Amino acid sequence: MNLVLRRFIEQQFGFAASRETTEEFLTEALRKLPEQLKEGLENYFQACDLVKYAGIPVDRKAAAAALDIAIAFVNKAELHSKSLAAGEEASGGNA
């Protein structure tokens, strides 16, 4: 789930999300991503790292919550991309 979201961010926003450490990625993401996409992102990736690197057992409720955060992020990112595209169309491509 972590890598899928990182690759989505990489493709949508053009930075090396899947080839950086979580700390490097979050520093760049929190600086470059639109404000509405930042909420919950840091907690999401830190929780994924705890499971991946610290071997903390996966709690079903926590996993479901993490999935909800990832889905919400993708939905918001797609809305953001559509609104940018609509703005470019409305201004004749000069946005």
PDB file of N, CA and C in Angstrom:
ATOM      1  N   MET A   1       0.832  -1.183   0.000  1.00  0.00           N
ATOM      2  CA  MET A   1       0.000   0.000   0.000  1.00  0.00           C
ATOM      3  C   MET A   1       0.880   1.250   0.000  1.00  0.00           C
ATOM      4  N   ASN A   2       1.928   1.217   0.794  1.00  0.00           N
ATOM      5  CA  ASN A   2       2.859   2.337   0.878  1.00  0.00           C
ATOM      6  C   ASN A   2       3.468   2.633  -0.491  1.00  0.00           C
ATOM      7  N   LEU A   3       3.998   1.618  -1.146  1.00  0.00           N
ATOM      8  CA  LEU A   3       4.657   1.801  -2.431  1.00  0.00           C
ATOM      9  C   LEU A   3       3.668   2.216  -3.517  1.00  0.00           C
ATOM     10  N   VAL A   4       2.478   1.698  -3.473  1.00  0.00           N
ATOM     11  CA  VAL A   4       1.460   2.078  -4.458  1.00  0.00           C
ATOM     12  C   VAL A   4       1.165   3.575  -4.348  1.00  0.00           C
ATOM     13  N   LEU A   5       0.982   4.069  -3.144  1.00  0.00           N
ATOM     14  CA  LEU A   5       0.702   5.492  -2.970  1.00  0.00           C
ATOM     15  C   LEU A   5       1.913   6.329  -3.356  1.00  0.00           C
ATOM     16  N   ARG A   6       3.108   5.886  -3.003  1.00  0.00           N
ATOM     17  CA  ARG A   6       4.322   6.618  -3.394  1.00  0.00           C
ATOM     18  C   ARG A   6       4.422   6.713  -4.921  1.00  0.00           C
ATOM     19  N   ARG A   7       4.165   5.611  -5.612  1.00  0.00           N
ATOM     20  CA  ARG A   7       4.254   5.634  -7.082  1.00  0.00           C
ATOM     21  C   ARG A   7       3.179   6.527  -7.695  1.00  0.00           C
ATOM     22  N   PHE A   8       1.998   6.520  -7.107  1.00  0.00           N
ATOM     23  CA  PHE A   8       0.945   7.419  -7.573  1.00  0.00           C
ATOM     24  C   PHE A   8       1.405   8.866  -7.433  1.00  0.00           C
ATOM     25  N   ILE A   9       1.952   9.216  -6.282  1.00  0.00           N
ATOM     26  CA  ILE A   9       2.430  10.582  -6.038  1.00  0.00           C
ATOM     27  C   ILE A   9       3.552  10.926  -7.015  1.00  0.00           C
ATOM     28  N   GLU A  10       4.429   9.996  -7.244  1.00  0.00           N
ATOM     29  CA  GLU A  10       5.535  10.197  -8.180  1.00  0.00           C
ATOM     30  C   GLU A  10       5.010  10.525  -9.576  1.00  0.00           C
ATOM     31  N   GLN A  11       4.039   9.754 -10.032  1.00  0.00           N
ATOM     32  CA  GLN A  11       3.486   9.967 -11.372  1.00  0.00           C
ATOM     33  C   GLN A  11       2.670  11.253 -11.460  1.00  0.00           C
ATOM     34  N   GLN A  12       1.889  11.537 -10.434  1.00  0.00           N
ATOM     35  CA  GLN A  12       1.024  12.716 -10.459  1.00  0.00           C
ATOM     36  C   GLN A  12       1.781  14.026 -10.285  1.00  0.00           C
ATOM     37  N   PHE A  13       2.824  14.002  -9.440  1.00  0.00           N
ATOM     38  CA  PHE A  13       3.458  15.258  -9.054  1.00  0.00           C
ATOM     39  C   PHE A  13       4.921  15.371  -9.457  1.00  0.00           C
ATOM     40  N   GLY A  14       5.468  14.302 -10.048  1.00  0.00           N
ATOM     41  CA  GLY A  14       6.774  14.383 -10.662  1.00  0.00           C
ATOM     42  C   GLY A  14       7.980  14.453  -9.751  1.00  0.00           C
ATOM     43  N   PHE A  15       7.904  13.866  -8.578  1.00  0.00           N
ATOM     44  CA  PHE A  15       9.133  13.749  -7.805  1.00  0.00           C
ATOM     45  C   PHE A  15       9.357  12.323  -7.353  1.00  0.00           C
ATOM     46  N   ALA A  16      10.588  12.024  -6.972  1.00  0.00           N
ATOM     47  CA  ALA A  16      11.046  10.650  -6.760  1.00  0.00           C
ATOM     48  C   ALA A  16      10.540  10.033  -5.463  1.00  0.00           C
ATOM     49  N   ALA A  17       9.252   9.900  -5.335  1.00  0.00           N
ATOM     50  CA  ALA A  17       8.642   9.402  -4.101  1.00  0.00           C
ATOM     51  C   ALA A  17       9.007   7.959  -3.797  1.00  0.00           C
ATOM     52  N   SER A  18       9.189   7.140  -4.815  1.00  0.00           N
ATOM     53  CA  SER A  18       9.456   5.724  -4.562  1.00  0.00           C
ATOM     54  C   SER A  18      10.941   5.420  -4.398  1.00  0.00           C
ATOM     55  N   ARG A  19      11.803   6.394  -4.642  1.00  0.00           N
ATOM     56  CA  ARG A  19      13.244   6.154  -4.558  1.00  0.00           C
ATOM     57  C   ARG A  19      13.906   6.898  -3.404  1.00  0.00           C
ATOM     58  N   GLU A  20      13.112   7.477  -2.522  1.00  0.00           N
ATOM     59  CA  GLU A  20      13.644   8.226  -1.393  1.00  0.00           C
ATOM     60  C   GLU A  20      13.246   7.565  -0.085  1.00  0.00           C
ATOM     61  N   THR A  21      13.983   7.899   0.973  1.00  0.00           N
ATOM     62  CA  THR A  21      13.558   7.453   2.296  1.00  0.00           C
ATOM     63  C   THR A  21      12.264   8.176   2.632  1.00  0.00           C
ATOM     64  N   THR A  22      11.560   7.685   3.620  1.00  0.00           N
ATOM     65  CA  THR A  22      10.320   8.343   4.031  1.00  0.00           C
ATOM     66  C   THR A  22      10.598   9.783   4.452  1.00  0.00           C
ATOM     67  N   GLU A  23      11.671  10.000   5.189  1.00  0.00           N
ATOM     68  CA  GLU A  23      12.011  11.347   5.644  1.00  0.00           C
ATOM     69  C   GLU A  23      12.277  12.281   4.463  1.00  0.00           C
ATOM     70  N   GLU A  24      13.064  11.810   3.495  1.00  0.00           N
ATOM     71  CA  GLU A  24      13.352  12.627   2.307  1.00  0.00           C
ATOM     72  C   GLU A  24      12.076  12.908   1.530  1.00  0.00           C
ATOM     73  N   PHE A  25      11.299  11.865   1.334  1.00  0.00           N
ATOM     74  CA  PHE A  25      10.052  12.005   0.594  1.00  0.00           C
ATOM     75  C   PHE A  25       9.105  12.993   1.269  1.00  0.00           C
ATOM     76  N   LEU A  26       8.905  12.837   2.585  1.00  0.00           N
ATOM     77  CA  LEU A  26       7.979  13.717   3.297  1.00  0.00           C
ATOM     78  C   LEU A  26       8.437  15.163   3.284  1.00  0.00           C
ATOM     79  N   THR A  27       9.740  15.388   3.403  1.00  0.00           N
ATOM     80  CA  THR A  27      10.266  16.755   3.344  1.00  0.00           C
ATOM     81  C   THR A  27       9.876  17.407   2.022  1.00  0.00           C
ATOM     82  N   GLU A  28      10.084  16.688   0.936  1.00  0.00           N
ATOM     83  CA  GLU A  28       9.749  17.211  -0.381  1.00  0.00           C
ATOM     84  C   GLU A  28       8.231  17.323  -0.566  1.00  0.00           C
ATOM     85  N   ALA A  29       7.502  16.295  -0.157  1.00  0.00           N
ATOM     86  CA  ALA A  29       6.050  16.286  -0.328  1.00  0.00           C
ATOM     87  C   ALA A  29       5.390  17.424   0.447  1.00  0.00           C
ATOM     88  N   LEU A  30       5.798  17.624   1.686  1.00  0.00           N
ATOM     89  CA  LEU A  30       5.172  18.662   2.505  1.00  0.00           C
ATOM     90  C   LEU A  30       5.551  20.064   2.020  1.00  0.00           C
ATOM     91  N   ARG A  31       6.613  20.151   1.258  1.00  0.00           N
ATOM     92  CA  ARG A  31       7.012  21.436   0.683  1.00  0.00           C
ATOM     93  C   ARG A  31       6.322  21.688  -0.654  1.00  0.00           C
ATOM     94  N   LYS A  32       6.111  20.633  -1.449  1.00  0.00           N
ATOM     95  CA  LYS A  32       5.657  20.804  -2.831  1.00  0.00           C
ATOM     96  C   LYS A  32       4.183  20.496  -3.091  1.00  0.00           C
ATOM     97  N   LEU A  33       3.599  19.619  -2.307  1.00  0.00           N
ATOM     98  CA  LEU A  33       2.212  19.237  -2.582  1.00  0.00           C
ATOM     99  C   LEU A  33       1.250  20.364  -2.226  1.00  0.00           C
ATOM    100  N   PRO A  34       0.118  20.431  -2.921  1.00  0.00           N
ATOM    101  CA  PRO A  34      -0.912  21.399  -2.557  1.00  0.00           C
ATOM    102  C   PRO A  34      -1.370  21.170  -1.114  1.00  0.00           C
ATOM    103  N   GLU A  35      -1.716  22.220  -0.445  1.00  0.00           N
ATOM    104  CA  GLU A  35      -2.064  22.172   0.976  1.00  0.00           C
ATOM    105  C   GLU A  35      -3.128  21.137   1.299  1.00  0.00           C
ATOM    106  N   GLN A  36      -4.156  21.028   0.455  1.00  0.00           N
ATOM    107  CA  GLN A  36      -5.266  20.112   0.738  1.00  0.00           C
ATOM    108  C   GLN A  36      -4.849  18.645   0.665  1.00  0.00           C
ATOM    109  N   LEU A  37      -3.666  18.352   0.135  1.00  0.00           N
ATOM    110  CA  LEU A  37      -3.201  16.968   0.031  1.00  0.00           C
ATOM    111  C   LEU A  37      -2.259  16.563   1.150  1.00  0.00           C
ATOM    112  N   LYS A  38      -1.855  17.489   1.972  1.00  0.00           N
ATOM    113  CA  LYS A  38      -0.855  17.219   3.010  1.00  0.00           C
ATOM    114  C   LYS A  38      -1.429  16.562   4.267  1.00  0.00           C
ATOM    115  N   GLU A  39      -2.698  16.783   4.530  1.00  0.00           N
ATOM    116  CA  GLU A  39      -3.317  16.293   5.766  1.00  0.00           C
ATOM    117  C   GLU A  39      -3.244  14.776   5.886  1.00  0.00           C
ATOM    118  N   GLY A  40      -2.667  14.303   6.952  1.00  0.00           N
ATOM    119  CA  GLY A  40      -2.599  12.881   7.242  1.00  0.00           C
ATOM    120  C   GLY A  40      -1.458  12.140   6.561  1.00  0.00           C
ATOM    121  N   LEU A  41      -0.793  12.791   5.615  1.00  0.00           N
ATOM    122  CA  LEU A  41       0.245  12.122   4.841  1.00  0.00           C
ATOM    123  C   LEU A  41       1.427  11.685   5.702  1.00  0.00           C
ATOM    124  N   GLU A  42       1.886  12.561   6.555  1.00  0.00           N
ATOM    125  CA  GLU A  42       3.030  12.245   7.409  1.00  0.00           C
ATOM    126  C   GLU A  42       2.714  11.070   8.335  1.00  0.00           C
ATOM    127  N   ASN A  43       1.558  11.109   8.995  1.00  0.00           N
ATOM    128  CA  ASN A  43       1.160  10.007   9.886  1.00  0.00           C
ATOM    129  C   ASN A  43       1.011   8.700   9.128  1.00  0.00           C
ATOM    130  N   TYR A  44       0.458   8.772   7.926  1.00  0.00           N
ATOM    131  CA  TYR A  44       0.261   7.580   7.105  1.00  0.00           C
ATOM    132  C   TYR A  44       1.594   6.889   6.818  1.00  0.00           C
ATOM    133  N   PHE A  45       2.566   7.637   6.312  1.00  0.00           N
ATOM    134  CA  PHE A  45       3.838   7.023   5.936  1.00  0.00           C
ATOM    135  C   PHE A  45       4.668   6.609   7.151  1.00  0.00           C
ATOM    136  N   GLN A  46       4.564   7.334   8.232  1.00  0.00           N
ATOM    137  CA  GLN A  46       5.276   6.926   9.443  1.00  0.00           C
ATOM    138  C   GLN A  46       4.681   5.638  10.009  1.00  0.00           C
ATOM    139  N   ALA A  47       3.371   5.495   9.954  1.00  0.00           N
ATOM    140  CA  ALA A  47       2.726   4.262  10.423  1.00  0.00           C
ATOM    141  C   ALA A  47       3.123   3.082   9.535  1.00  0.00           C
ATOM    142  N   CYS A  48       3.201   3.302   8.231  1.00  0.00           N
ATOM    143  CA  CYS A  48       3.640   2.235   7.317  1.00  0.00           C
ATOM    144  C   CYS A  48       5.065   1.814   7.642  1.00  0.00           C
ATOM    145  N   ASP A  49       5.925   2.776   7.949  1.00  0.00           N
ATOM    146  CA  ASP A  49       7.316   2.451   8.288  1.00  0.00           C
ATOM    147  C   ASP A  49       7.412   1.635   9.576  1.00  0.00           C
ATOM    148  N   LEU A  50       6.547   1.935  10.539  1.00  0.00           N
ATOM    149  CA  LEU A  50       6.576   1.164  11.788  1.00  0.00           C
ATOM    150  C   LEU A  50       6.287  -0.311  11.525  1.00  0.00           C
ATOM    151  N   VAL A  51       5.348  -0.571  10.652  1.00  0.00           N
ATOM    152  CA  VAL A  51       5.016  -1.957  10.317  1.00  0.00           C
ATOM    153  C   VAL A  51       6.156  -2.578   9.514  1.00  0.00           C
ATOM    154  N   LYS A  52       6.658  -1.833   8.536  1.00  0.00           N
ATOM    155  CA  LYS A  52       7.677  -2.365   7.634  1.00  0.00           C
ATOM    156  C   LYS A  52       9.024  -2.582   8.317  1.00  0.00           C
ATOM    157  N   TYR A  53       9.484  -1.603   9.086  1.00  0.00           N
ATOM    158  CA  TYR A  53      10.837  -1.661   9.622  1.00  0.00           C
ATOM    159  C   TYR A  53      10.923  -2.096  11.086  1.00  0.00           C
ATOM    160  N   ALA A  54       9.912  -1.764  11.870  1.00  0.00           N
ATOM    161  CA  ALA A  54       9.957  -2.113  13.288  1.00  0.00           C
ATOM    162  C   ALA A  54       9.228  -3.421  13.578  1.00  0.00           C
ATOM    163  N   GLY A  55       8.549  -3.944  12.568  1.00  0.00           N
ATOM    164  CA  GLY A  55       7.867  -5.217  12.740  1.00  0.00           C
ATOM    165  C   GLY A  55       6.662  -5.159  13.649  1.00  0.00           C
ATOM    166  N   ILE A  56       6.100  -3.975  13.807  1.00  0.00           N
ATOM    167  CA  ILE A  56       4.910  -3.837  14.646  1.00  0.00           C
ATOM    168  C   ILE A  56       3.748  -4.561  13.960  1.00  0.00           C
ATOM    169  N   PRO A  57       3.017  -5.378  14.685  1.00  0.00           N
ATOM    170  CA  PRO A  57       1.899  -6.115  14.072  1.00  0.00           C
ATOM    171  C   PRO A  57       0.849  -5.164  13.490  1.00  0.00           C
ATOM    172  N   VAL A  58       0.254  -5.605  12.407  1.00  0.00           N
ATOM    173  CA  VAL A  58      -0.777  -4.801  11.742  1.00  0.00           C
ATOM    174  C   VAL A  58      -2.098  -5.000  12.468  1.00  0.00           C
ATOM    175  N   ASP A  59      -2.663  -3.918  12.912  1.00  0.00           N
ATOM    176  CA  ASP A  59      -3.979  -3.902  13.535  1.00  0.00           C
ATOM    177  C   ASP A  59      -5.004  -3.681  12.418  1.00  0.00           C
ATOM    178  N   ARG A  60      -6.053  -4.491  12.387  1.00  0.00           N
ATOM    179  CA  ARG A  60      -7.050  -4.386  11.311  1.00  0.00           C
ATOM    180  C   ARG A  60      -7.673  -2.996  11.221  1.00  0.00           C
ATOM    181  N   LYS A  61      -7.992  -2.419  12.352  1.00  0.00           N
ATOM    182  CA  LYS A  61      -8.603  -1.082  12.340  1.00  0.00           C
ATOM    183  C   LYS A  61      -7.617  -0.042  11.830  1.00  0.00           C
ATOM    184  N   ALA A  62      -6.368  -0.140  12.249  1.00  0.00           N
ATOM    185  CA  ALA A  62      -5.349   0.798  11.791  1.00  0.00           C
ATOM    186  C   ALA A  62      -5.093   0.631  10.297  1.00  0.00           C
ATOM    187  N   ALA A  63      -5.091  -0.614   9.820  1.00  0.00           N
ATOM    188  CA  ALA A  63      -4.891  -0.871   8.394  1.00  0.00           C
ATOM    189  C   ALA A  63      -6.049  -0.303   7.577  1.00  0.00           C
ATOM    190  N   ALA A  64      -7.256  -0.468   8.068  1.00  0.00           N
ATOM    191  CA  ALA A  64      -8.429   0.083   7.378  1.00  0.00           C
ATOM    192  C   ALA A  64      -8.372   1.602   7.354  1.00  0.00           C
ATOM    193  N   ALA A  65      -7.956   2.200   8.462  1.00  0.00           N
ATOM    194  CA  ALA A  65      -7.834   3.658   8.523  1.00  0.00           C
ATOM    195  C   ALA A  65      -6.761   4.149   7.557  1.00  0.00           C
ATOM    196  N   ALA A  66      -5.651   3.413   7.476  1.00  0.00           N
ATOM    197  CA  ALA A  66      -4.575   3.786   6.556  1.00  0.00           C
ATOM    198  C   ALA A  66      -5.056   3.698   5.109  1.00  0.00           C
ATOM    199  N   LEU A  67      -5.799   2.655   4.798  1.00  0.00           N
ATOM    200  CA  LEU A  67      -6.348   2.510   3.455  1.00  0.00           C
ATOM    201  C   LEU A  67      -7.293   3.665   3.133  1.00  0.00           C
ATOM    202  N   ASP A  68      -8.112   4.052   4.100  1.00  0.00           N
ATOM    203  CA  ASP A  68      -9.019   5.193   3.899  1.00  0.00           C
ATOM    204  C   ASP A  68      -8.243   6.473   3.614  1.00  0.00           C
ATOM    205  N   ILE A  69      -7.129   6.675   4.315  1.00  0.00           N
ATOM    206  CA  ILE A  69      -6.292   7.866   4.092  1.00  0.00           C
ATOM    207  C   ILE A  69      -5.717   7.835   2.676  1.00  0.00           C
ATOM    208  N   ALA A  70      -5.226   6.672   2.258  1.00  0.00           N
ATOM    209  CA  ALA A  70      -4.651   6.548   0.916  1.00  0.00           C
ATOM    210  C   ALA A  70      -5.707   6.804  -0.163  1.00  0.00           C
ATOM    211  N   ILE A  71      -6.885   6.250   0.005  1.00  0.00           N
ATOM    212  CA  ILE A  71      -7.969   6.446  -0.963  1.00  0.00           C
ATOM    213  C   ILE A  71      -8.378   7.915  -1.002  1.00  0.00           C
ATOM    214  N   ALA A  72      -8.514   8.531   0.163  1.00  0.00           N
ATOM    215  CA  ALA A  72      -8.878   9.952   0.218  1.00  0.00           C
ATOM    216  C   ALA A  72      -7.822  10.800  -0.479  1.00  0.00           C
ATOM    217  N   PHE A  73      -6.550  10.474  -0.273  1.00  0.00           N
ATOM    218  CA  PHE A  73      -5.473  11.216  -0.917  1.00  0.00           C
ATOM    219  C   PHE A  73      -5.597  11.125  -2.438  1.00  0.00           C
ATOM    220  N   VAL A  74      -5.785   9.916  -2.956  1.00  0.00           N
ATOM    221  CA  VAL A  74      -5.898   9.727  -4.403  1.00  0.00           C
ATOM    222  C   VAL A  74      -7.105  10.493  -4.946  1.00  0.00           C
ATOM    223  N   ASN A  75      -8.228  10.416  -4.261  1.00  0.00           N
ATOM    224  CA  ASN A  75      -9.426  11.142  -4.706  1.00  0.00           C
ATOM    225  C   ASN A  75      -9.189  12.645  -4.726  1.00  0.00           C
ATOM    226  N   LYS A  76      -8.572  13.178  -3.671  1.00  0.00           N
ATOM    227  CA  LYS A  76      -8.275  14.618  -3.623  1.00  0.00           C
ATOM    228  C   LYS A  76      -7.282  15.015  -4.710  1.00  0.00           C
ATOM    229  N   ALA A  77      -6.280  14.178  -4.939  1.00  0.00           N
ATOM    230  CA  ALA A  77      -5.276  14.472  -5.962  1.00  0.00           C
ATOM    231  C   ALA A  77      -5.911  14.498  -7.351  1.00  0.00           C
ATOM    232  N   GLU A  78      -6.811  13.571  -7.605  1.00  0.00           N
ATOM    233  CA  GLU A  78      -7.486  13.550  -8.897  1.00  0.00           C
ATOM    234  C   GLU A  78      -8.381  14.769  -9.072  1.00  0.00           C
ATOM    235  N   LEU A  79      -9.089  15.169  -8.024  1.00  0.00           N
ATOM    236  CA  LEU A  79      -9.899  16.391  -8.095  1.00  0.00           C
ATOM    237  C   LEU A  79      -9.019  17.605  -8.346  1.00  0.00           C
ATOM    238  N   HIS A  80      -7.876  17.645  -7.664  1.00  0.00           N
ATOM    239  CA  HIS A  80      -6.936  18.750  -7.836  1.00  0.00           C
ATOM    240  C   HIS A  80      -6.456  18.814  -9.286  1.00  0.00           C
ATOM    241  N   SER A  81      -6.093  17.665  -9.857  1.00  0.00           N
ATOM    242  CA  SER A  81      -5.626  17.616 -11.246  1.00  0.00           C
ATOM    243  C   SER A  81      -6.722  18.056 -12.214  1.00  0.00           C
ATOM    244  N   LYS A  82      -7.946  17.607 -11.956  1.00  0.00           N
ATOM    245  CA  LYS A  82      -9.067  17.998 -12.818  1.00  0.00           C
ATOM    246  C   LYS A  82      -9.333  19.493 -12.735  1.00  0.00           C
ATOM    247  N   SER A  83      -9.239  20.063 -11.537  1.00  0.00           N
ATOM    248  CA  SER A  83      -9.486  21.505 -11.401  1.00  0.00           C
ATOM    249  C   SER A  83      -8.387  22.304 -12.083  1.00  0.00           C
ATOM    250  N   LEU A  84      -7.144  21.806 -12.023  1.00  0.00           N
ATOM    251  CA  LEU A  84      -6.055  22.478 -12.749  1.00  0.00           C
ATOM    252  C   LEU A  84      -6.298  22.409 -14.244  1.00  0.00           C
ATOM    253  N   ALA A  85      -6.686  21.246 -14.737  1.00  0.00           N
ATOM    254  CA  ALA A  85      -6.954  21.076 -16.169  1.00  0.00           C
ATOM    255  C   ALA A  85      -8.114  21.966 -16.610  1.00  0.00           C
ATOM    256  N   ALA A  86      -9.156  22.050 -15.797  1.00  0.00           N
ATOM    257  CA  ALA A  86     -10.296  22.900 -16.132  1.00  0.00           C
ATOM    258  C   ALA A  86      -9.882  24.365 -16.150  1.00  0.00           C
ATOM    259  N   GLY A  87      -9.024  24.753 -15.225  1.00  0.00           N
ATOM    260  CA  GLY A  87      -8.517  26.133 -15.194  1.00  0.00           C
ATOM    261  C   GLY A  87      -7.696  26.460 -16.424  1.00  0.00           C
ATOM    262  N   GLU A  88      -6.898  25.496 -16.890  1.00  0.00           N
ATOM    263  CA  GLU A  88      -6.108  25.702 -18.100  1.00  0.00           C
ATOM    264  C   GLU A  88      -7.003  25.819 -19.314  1.00  0.00           C
ATOM    265  N   GLU A  89      -8.053  24.996 -19.377  1.00  0.00           N
ATOM    266  CA  GLU A  89      -8.990  25.060 -20.496  1.00  0.00           C
ATOM    267  C   GLU A  89      -9.738  26.384 -20.491  1.00  0.00           C
ATOM    268  N   ALA A  90     -10.154  26.833 -19.324  1.00  0.00           N
ATOM    269  CA  ALA A  90     -10.913  28.082 -19.212  1.00  0.00           C
ATOM    270  C   ALA A  90     -10.058  29.279 -19.598  1.00  0.00           C
ATOM    271  N   SER A  91      -8.739  29.205 -19.348  1.00  0.00           N
ATOM    272  CA  SER A  91      -7.871  30.336 -19.681  1.00  0.00           C
ATOM    273  C   SER A  91      -7.199  30.158 -21.034  1.00  0.00           C
ATOM    274  N   GLY A  92      -7.624  29.154 -21.777  1.00  0.00           N
ATOM    275  CA  GLY A  92      -7.047  28.913 -23.080  1.00  0.00           C
ATOM    276  C   GLY A  92      -5.682  28.258 -23.043  1.00  0.00           C
ATOM    277  N   GLY A  93      -5.409  27.551 -21.918  1.00  0.00           N
ATOM    278  CA  GLY A  93      -4.142  26.854 -21.814  1.00  0.00           C
ATOM    279  C   GLY A  93      -3.023  27.704 -21.260  1.00  0.00           C
ATOM    280  N   ASN A  94      -3.343  28.896 -20.764  1.00  0.00           N
ATOM    281  CA  ASN A  94      -2.306  29.805 -20.252  1.00  0.00           C
ATOM    282  C   ASN A  94      -2.316  29.910 -18.747  1.00  0.00           C
ATOM    283  N   ALA A  95      -2.709  28.871 -18.055  1.00  0.00           N
ATOM    284  CA  ALA A  95      -2.777  28.922 -16.594  1.00  0.00           C
ATOM    285  C   ALA A  95      -1.424  28.775 -15.973  1.00  0.00           C
TER     286      ALA A  95
END
